[in-house]
Amino acid sequence: QVQLVESGVGLVQAGGSLRLSCAASGSIFSINAMGWYRQAPGKQSELVALISISGSTNYADSVQGRFAISRDNARNTVYLQMNSLKPEDTAVYYCNALWGQDDFESWGQGTQVTVSS
């Protein structure tokens, strides 16, 4: 199994920056991809950014050019750098990992990100 622990400060003014971290443990060599999702009150969960085992990345249109996902293999950690934050980025952000032959899912505990106007 894969366990995920998120960290990062979650309160910032509009236009500011935040970085979230997600540390993986357990069967890390079985991880196929990692990503970040977010869910705002009253809205469906949204895939924000994804990084595959090959290093390729994908972003939601709403964050393209402002957010960057990266990984540090030595620390088994994935980061989400969020710049030019907007109030509409306010949500709970969840780290996600797909692992194993059947793409099992693991989730982090969630981090509240609040962007004030």
N, C-alpha and C. Protein backbone atom coordinates (compact mmCIF):
# COMPACT_ATOMS: atom_id res chain seq x y z
N GLN A 1 0.83 -1.20 0.00
CA GLN A 1 0.00 0.00 0.00
C GLN A 1 0.87 1.25 0.00
N VAL A 2 0.24 2.36 -0.35
CA VAL A 2 0.92 3.66 -0.37
C VAL A 2 0.21 4.59 0.59
N GLN A 3 0.99 5.23 1.45
CA GLN A 3 0.44 6.22 2.37
C GLN A 3 0.93 7.61 1.95
N LEU A 4 0.06 8.60 2.09
CA LEU A 4 0.37 9.97 1.68
C LEU A 4 0.12 10.92 2.84
N VAL A 5 1.07 11.80 3.07
CA VAL A 5 0.92 12.82 4.11
C VAL A 5 1.19 14.18 3.49
N GLU A 6 0.22 15.07 3.60
CA GLU A 6 0.34 16.40 3.02
C GLU A 6 0.85 17.39 4.06
N SER A 7 1.48 18.44 3.57
CA SER A 7 1.87 19.55 4.43
C SER A 7 1.89 20.82 3.61
N GLY A 8 1.77 21.94 4.31
CA GLY A 8 1.77 23.22 3.65
C GLY A 8 0.86 24.19 4.35
N VAL A 9 1.22 25.46 4.33
CA VAL A 9 0.40 26.51 4.94
C VAL A 9 -0.69 26.87 3.97
N GLY A 10 -1.91 27.11 4.47
CA GLY A 10 -3.04 27.22 3.57
C GLY A 10 -3.77 28.53 3.52
N LEU A 11 -3.19 29.66 3.98
CA LEU A 11 -3.89 30.94 3.96
C LEU A 11 -3.00 31.98 3.28
N VAL A 12 -3.56 32.64 2.27
CA VAL A 12 -2.77 33.61 1.52
C VAL A 12 -3.70 34.65 0.90
N GLN A 13 -3.17 35.82 0.61
CA GLN A 13 -3.95 36.84 -0.10
C GLN A 13 -3.91 36.60 -1.59
N ALA A 14 -4.89 37.11 -2.28
CA ALA A 14 -4.94 36.99 -3.73
C ALA A 14 -3.66 37.53 -4.34
N GLY A 15 -3.15 36.79 -5.33
CA GLY A 15 -1.89 37.18 -5.96
C GLY A 15 -0.68 36.54 -5.33
N GLY A 16 -0.87 35.93 -4.18
CA GLY A 16 0.23 35.31 -3.47
C GLY A 16 0.53 33.91 -3.94
N SER A 17 1.46 33.27 -3.24
CA SER A 17 1.91 31.93 -3.60
C SER A 17 1.89 31.01 -2.40
N LEU A 18 1.70 29.73 -2.68
CA LEU A 18 1.76 28.69 -1.67
C LEU A 18 2.39 27.46 -2.29
N ARG A 19 3.00 26.65 -1.46
CA ARG A 19 3.49 25.37 -1.93
C ARG A 19 2.98 24.28 -1.00
N LEU A 20 2.35 23.29 -1.62
CA LEU A 20 1.90 22.10 -0.88
C LEU A 20 2.86 20.95 -1.14
N SER A 21 3.06 20.13 -0.13
CA SER A 21 3.92 18.96 -0.26
C SER A 21 3.13 17.70 0.05
N CYS A 22 3.53 16.62 -0.57
CA CYS A 22 2.88 15.32 -0.33
C CYS A 22 3.97 14.26 -0.28
N ALA A 23 4.19 13.72 0.90
CA ALA A 23 5.21 12.70 1.09
C ALA A 23 4.59 11.31 1.02
N ALA A 24 5.16 10.47 0.20
CA ALA A 24 4.66 9.10 0.02
C ALA A 24 5.54 8.12 0.78
N SER A 25 4.91 7.09 1.30
CA SER A 25 5.63 6.01 1.97
C SER A 25 4.93 4.69 1.65
N GLY A 26 5.59 3.61 1.97
CA GLY A 26 5.02 2.30 1.68
C GLY A 26 5.56 1.77 0.37
N SER A 27 4.71 1.28 -0.47
CA SER A 27 5.09 0.67 -1.75
C SER A 27 5.33 1.72 -2.83
N ILE A 28 6.28 2.59 -2.58
CA ILE A 28 6.48 3.75 -3.45
C ILE A 28 6.93 3.35 -4.85
N PHE A 29 7.57 2.18 -4.98
CA PHE A 29 8.04 1.78 -6.30
C PHE A 29 6.90 1.30 -7.19
N SER A 30 5.73 1.15 -6.61
CA SER A 30 4.56 0.74 -7.41
C SER A 30 3.73 1.93 -7.87
N ILE A 31 4.17 3.14 -7.52
CA ILE A 31 3.40 4.33 -7.89
C ILE A 31 3.50 4.59 -9.39
N ASN A 32 2.38 4.77 -10.03
CA ASN A 32 2.32 5.04 -11.47
C ASN A 32 2.19 6.53 -11.78
N ALA A 33 1.48 7.22 -10.91
CA ALA A 33 1.27 8.66 -11.11
C ALA A 33 0.83 9.26 -9.78
N MET A 34 1.09 10.56 -9.65
CA MET A 34 0.62 11.28 -8.48
C MET A 34 0.01 12.59 -8.94
N GLY A 35 -0.94 13.05 -8.16
CA GLY A 35 -1.61 14.28 -8.57
C GLY A 35 -2.22 15.00 -7.39
N TRP A 36 -2.80 16.14 -7.71
CA TRP A 36 -3.51 16.95 -6.73
C TRP A 36 -4.92 17.20 -7.22
N TYR A 37 -5.87 16.98 -6.35
CA TYR A 37 -7.27 17.30 -6.59
C TYR A 37 -7.68 18.39 -5.62
N ARG A 38 -8.77 19.04 -5.94
CA ARG A 38 -9.32 20.00 -5.00
C ARG A 38 -10.83 19.95 -5.03
N GLN A 39 -11.41 20.32 -3.91
CA GLN A 39 -12.87 20.37 -3.83
C GLN A 39 -13.27 21.60 -3.05
N ALA A 40 -14.01 22.46 -3.73
CA ALA A 40 -14.53 23.67 -3.11
C ALA A 40 -15.93 23.38 -2.59
N PRO A 41 -16.40 24.14 -1.59
CA PRO A 41 -17.74 23.91 -1.05
C PRO A 41 -18.81 23.95 -2.13
N GLY A 42 -19.63 22.94 -2.17
CA GLY A 42 -20.73 22.90 -3.13
C GLY A 42 -20.33 22.55 -4.55
N LYS A 43 -19.06 22.21 -4.75
CA LYS A 43 -18.59 21.88 -6.10
C LYS A 43 -18.03 20.47 -6.13
N GLN A 44 -17.95 19.92 -7.34
CA GLN A 44 -17.37 18.60 -7.50
C GLN A 44 -15.85 18.65 -7.39
N SER A 45 -15.28 17.51 -7.06
CA SER A 45 -13.84 17.41 -7.00
C SER A 45 -13.25 17.64 -8.39
N GLU A 46 -12.11 18.30 -8.44
CA GLU A 46 -11.47 18.65 -9.71
C GLU A 46 -10.02 18.22 -9.69
N LEU A 47 -9.57 17.57 -10.76
CA LEU A 47 -8.15 17.25 -10.89
C LEU A 47 -7.42 18.55 -11.23
N VAL A 48 -6.45 18.90 -10.41
CA VAL A 48 -5.70 20.13 -10.59
C VAL A 48 -4.44 19.90 -11.41
N ALA A 49 -3.67 18.89 -11.03
CA ALA A 49 -2.40 18.63 -11.70
C ALA A 49 -2.02 17.17 -11.50
N LEU A 50 -1.30 16.64 -12.48
CA LEU A 50 -0.92 15.24 -12.47
C LEU A 50 0.50 15.12 -12.98
N ILE A 51 1.29 14.24 -12.34
CA ILE A 51 2.62 13.94 -12.85
C ILE A 51 2.76 12.43 -12.93
N SER A 52 3.17 11.95 -14.09
CA SER A 52 3.25 10.51 -14.30
C SER A 52 4.62 9.99 -13.90
N ILE A 53 4.77 8.67 -13.96
CA ILE A 53 6.04 8.05 -13.61
C ILE A 53 7.15 8.51 -14.56
N SER A 54 6.77 8.88 -15.78
CA SER A 54 7.75 9.35 -16.77
C SER A 54 8.09 10.82 -16.58
N GLY A 55 7.33 11.50 -15.73
CA GLY A 55 7.58 12.92 -15.50
C GLY A 55 6.69 13.85 -16.29
N SER A 56 5.86 13.31 -17.15
CA SER A 56 4.95 14.17 -17.90
C SER A 56 3.88 14.74 -16.98
N THR A 57 3.45 15.94 -17.28
CA THR A 57 2.51 16.64 -16.41
C THR A 57 1.26 17.08 -17.17
N ASN A 58 0.17 17.20 -16.45
CA ASN A 58 -1.08 17.72 -16.99
C ASN A 58 -1.70 18.64 -15.96
N TYR A 59 -2.38 19.66 -16.46
CA TYR A 59 -2.99 20.64 -15.57
C TYR A 59 -4.42 20.94 -16.00
N ALA A 60 -5.23 21.28 -15.02
CA ALA A 60 -6.54 21.80 -15.34
C ALA A 60 -6.38 23.15 -16.03
N ASP A 61 -7.30 23.46 -16.94
CA ASP A 61 -7.23 24.73 -17.66
C ASP A 61 -7.21 25.91 -16.70
N SER A 62 -7.92 25.75 -15.59
CA SER A 62 -8.07 26.87 -14.65
C SER A 62 -6.78 27.22 -13.92
N VAL A 63 -5.80 26.33 -13.94
CA VAL A 63 -4.56 26.59 -13.22
C VAL A 63 -3.34 26.61 -14.14
N GLN A 64 -3.55 26.30 -15.41
CA GLN A 64 -2.44 26.26 -16.37
C GLN A 64 -1.69 27.58 -16.36
N GLY A 65 -0.38 27.50 -16.23
CA GLY A 65 0.44 28.70 -16.22
C GLY A 65 0.63 29.32 -14.85
N ARG A 66 -0.17 28.88 -13.87
CA ARG A 66 -0.05 29.44 -12.52
C ARG A 66 0.45 28.40 -11.52
N PHE A 67 0.08 27.14 -11.73
CA PHE A 67 0.48 26.06 -10.82
C PHE A 67 1.52 25.19 -11.50
N ALA A 68 2.37 24.58 -10.68
CA ALA A 68 3.36 23.65 -11.20
C ALA A 68 3.49 22.46 -10.26
N ILE A 69 3.40 21.28 -10.83
CA ILE A 69 3.59 20.06 -10.04
C ILE A 69 4.98 19.53 -10.32
N SER A 70 5.64 19.07 -9.28
CA SER A 70 6.99 18.53 -9.43
C SER A 70 7.20 17.43 -8.40
N ARG A 71 8.29 16.71 -8.55
CA ARG A 71 8.55 15.63 -7.60
C ARG A 71 10.03 15.58 -7.27
N ASP A 72 10.31 15.12 -6.06
CA ASP A 72 11.67 14.89 -5.60
C ASP A 72 11.75 13.39 -5.28
N ASN A 73 12.35 12.64 -6.18
CA ASN A 73 12.38 11.19 -6.01
C ASN A 73 13.18 10.79 -4.77
N ALA A 74 14.19 11.56 -4.44
CA ALA A 74 15.02 11.21 -3.27
C ALA A 74 14.22 11.34 -1.97
N ARG A 75 13.25 12.25 -1.95
CA ARG A 75 12.42 12.45 -0.77
C ARG A 75 11.05 11.81 -0.89
N ASN A 76 10.80 11.14 -2.04
CA ASN A 76 9.48 10.53 -2.28
C ASN A 76 8.37 11.54 -2.05
N THR A 77 8.58 12.72 -2.55
CA THR A 77 7.65 13.83 -2.29
C THR A 77 7.26 14.50 -3.60
N VAL A 78 5.99 14.85 -3.67
CA VAL A 78 5.46 15.62 -4.79
C VAL A 78 5.03 16.98 -4.26
N TYR A 79 5.27 18.00 -5.06
CA TYR A 79 4.96 19.37 -4.66
C TYR A 79 3.94 19.98 -5.62
N LEU A 80 3.16 20.90 -5.09
CA LEU A 80 2.30 21.72 -5.93
C LEU A 80 2.61 23.17 -5.60
N GLN A 81 3.31 23.81 -6.52
CA GLN A 81 3.61 25.24 -6.38
C GLN A 81 2.46 26.03 -6.99
N MET A 82 1.86 26.86 -6.18
CA MET A 82 0.70 27.63 -6.64
C MET A 82 1.04 29.11 -6.60
N ASN A 83 1.03 29.74 -7.76
CA ASN A 83 1.34 31.17 -7.88
C ASN A 83 0.12 31.94 -8.39
N SER A 84 0.17 33.22 -8.22
CA SER A 84 -0.92 34.10 -8.68
C SER A 84 -2.27 33.56 -8.23
N LEU A 85 -2.35 33.23 -6.98
CA LEU A 85 -3.56 32.62 -6.45
C LEU A 85 -4.75 33.56 -6.50
N LYS A 86 -5.91 32.97 -6.74
CA LYS A 86 -7.16 33.70 -6.85
C LYS A 86 -8.14 33.19 -5.78
N PRO A 87 -9.10 34.01 -5.40
CA PRO A 87 -10.09 33.53 -4.42
C PRO A 87 -10.78 32.25 -4.87
N GLU A 88 -10.97 32.08 -6.17
CA GLU A 88 -11.62 30.86 -6.66
C GLU A 88 -10.75 29.62 -6.54
N ASP A 89 -9.50 29.78 -6.15
CA ASP A 89 -8.64 28.62 -5.87
C ASP A 89 -8.89 28.07 -4.47
N THR A 90 -9.70 28.77 -3.69
CA THR A 90 -10.01 28.31 -2.34
C THR A 90 -10.71 26.96 -2.40
N ALA A 91 -10.16 25.98 -1.69
CA ALA A 91 -10.69 24.62 -1.70
C ALA A 91 -9.87 23.78 -0.73
N VAL A 92 -10.34 22.57 -0.51
CA VAL A 92 -9.52 21.57 0.16
C VAL A 92 -8.75 20.82 -0.93
N TYR A 93 -7.45 20.77 -0.78
CA TYR A 93 -6.59 20.12 -1.77
C TYR A 93 -6.16 18.75 -1.24
N TYR A 94 -6.28 17.75 -2.10
CA TYR A 94 -5.96 16.38 -1.74
C TYR A 94 -4.87 15.84 -2.67
N CYS A 95 -3.88 15.23 -2.07
CA CYS A 95 -2.87 14.52 -2.83
C CYS A 95 -3.40 13.12 -3.17
N ASN A 96 -3.06 12.65 -4.35
CA ASN A 96 -3.55 11.36 -4.81
C ASN A 96 -2.40 10.58 -5.45
N ALA A 97 -2.40 9.27 -5.24
CA ALA A 97 -1.43 8.40 -5.90
C ALA A 97 -2.15 7.22 -6.53
N LEU A 98 -1.74 6.89 -7.74
CA LEU A 98 -2.20 5.68 -8.41
C LEU A 98 -1.06 4.68 -8.36
N TRP A 99 -1.33 3.48 -7.90
CA TRP A 99 -0.23 2.53 -7.71
C TRP A 99 -0.69 1.11 -7.98
N GLY A 100 0.27 0.28 -8.28
CA GLY A 100 -0.01 -1.11 -8.56
C GLY A 100 -0.50 -1.33 -9.98
N GLN A 101 -0.61 -2.61 -10.35
CA GLN A 101 -1.02 -2.97 -11.70
C GLN A 101 -2.45 -2.52 -11.99
N ASP A 102 -3.26 -2.43 -10.97
CA ASP A 102 -4.68 -2.07 -11.15
C ASP A 102 -4.96 -0.62 -10.83
N ASP A 103 -3.91 0.20 -10.69
CA ASP A 103 -4.08 1.62 -10.37
C ASP A 103 -4.95 1.82 -9.13
N PHE A 104 -4.57 1.18 -8.05
CA PHE A 104 -5.24 1.47 -6.79
C PHE A 104 -4.99 2.94 -6.43
N GLU A 105 -5.88 3.47 -5.62
CA GLU A 105 -5.76 4.88 -5.25
C GLU A 105 -5.48 5.03 -3.76
N SER A 106 -4.61 5.99 -3.46
CA SER A 106 -4.40 6.43 -2.08
C SER A 106 -4.59 7.94 -2.05
N TRP A 107 -5.04 8.43 -0.90
CA TRP A 107 -5.33 9.86 -0.75
C TRP A 107 -4.63 10.42 0.49
N GLY A 108 -4.23 11.68 0.36
CA GLY A 108 -3.73 12.39 1.52
C GLY A 108 -4.90 12.85 2.38
N GLN A 109 -4.56 13.49 3.49
CA GLN A 109 -5.59 13.86 4.46
C GLN A 109 -6.34 15.13 4.08
N GLY A 110 -5.85 15.86 3.10
CA GLY A 110 -6.50 17.09 2.68
C GLY A 110 -5.92 18.30 3.38
N THR A 111 -5.74 19.38 2.63
CA THR A 111 -5.22 20.64 3.15
C THR A 111 -6.12 21.77 2.70
N GLN A 112 -6.62 22.53 3.65
CA GLN A 112 -7.46 23.67 3.31
C GLN A 112 -6.59 24.80 2.78
N VAL A 113 -6.91 25.27 1.61
CA VAL A 113 -6.25 26.44 1.03
C VAL A 113 -7.29 27.54 0.91
N THR A 114 -7.02 28.66 1.53
CA THR A 114 -7.93 29.79 1.50
C THR A 114 -7.22 31.00 0.92
N VAL A 115 -7.80 31.56 -0.13
CA VAL A 115 -7.24 32.74 -0.78
C VAL A 115 -8.20 33.89 -0.54
N SER A 116 -7.74 34.89 0.19
CA SER A 116 -8.59 36.03 0.51
C SER A 116 -8.42 37.13 -0.54
N SER A 117 -9.51 37.83 -0.79
CA SER A 117 -9.47 38.89 -1.80
C SER A 117 -9.06 40.22 -1.21
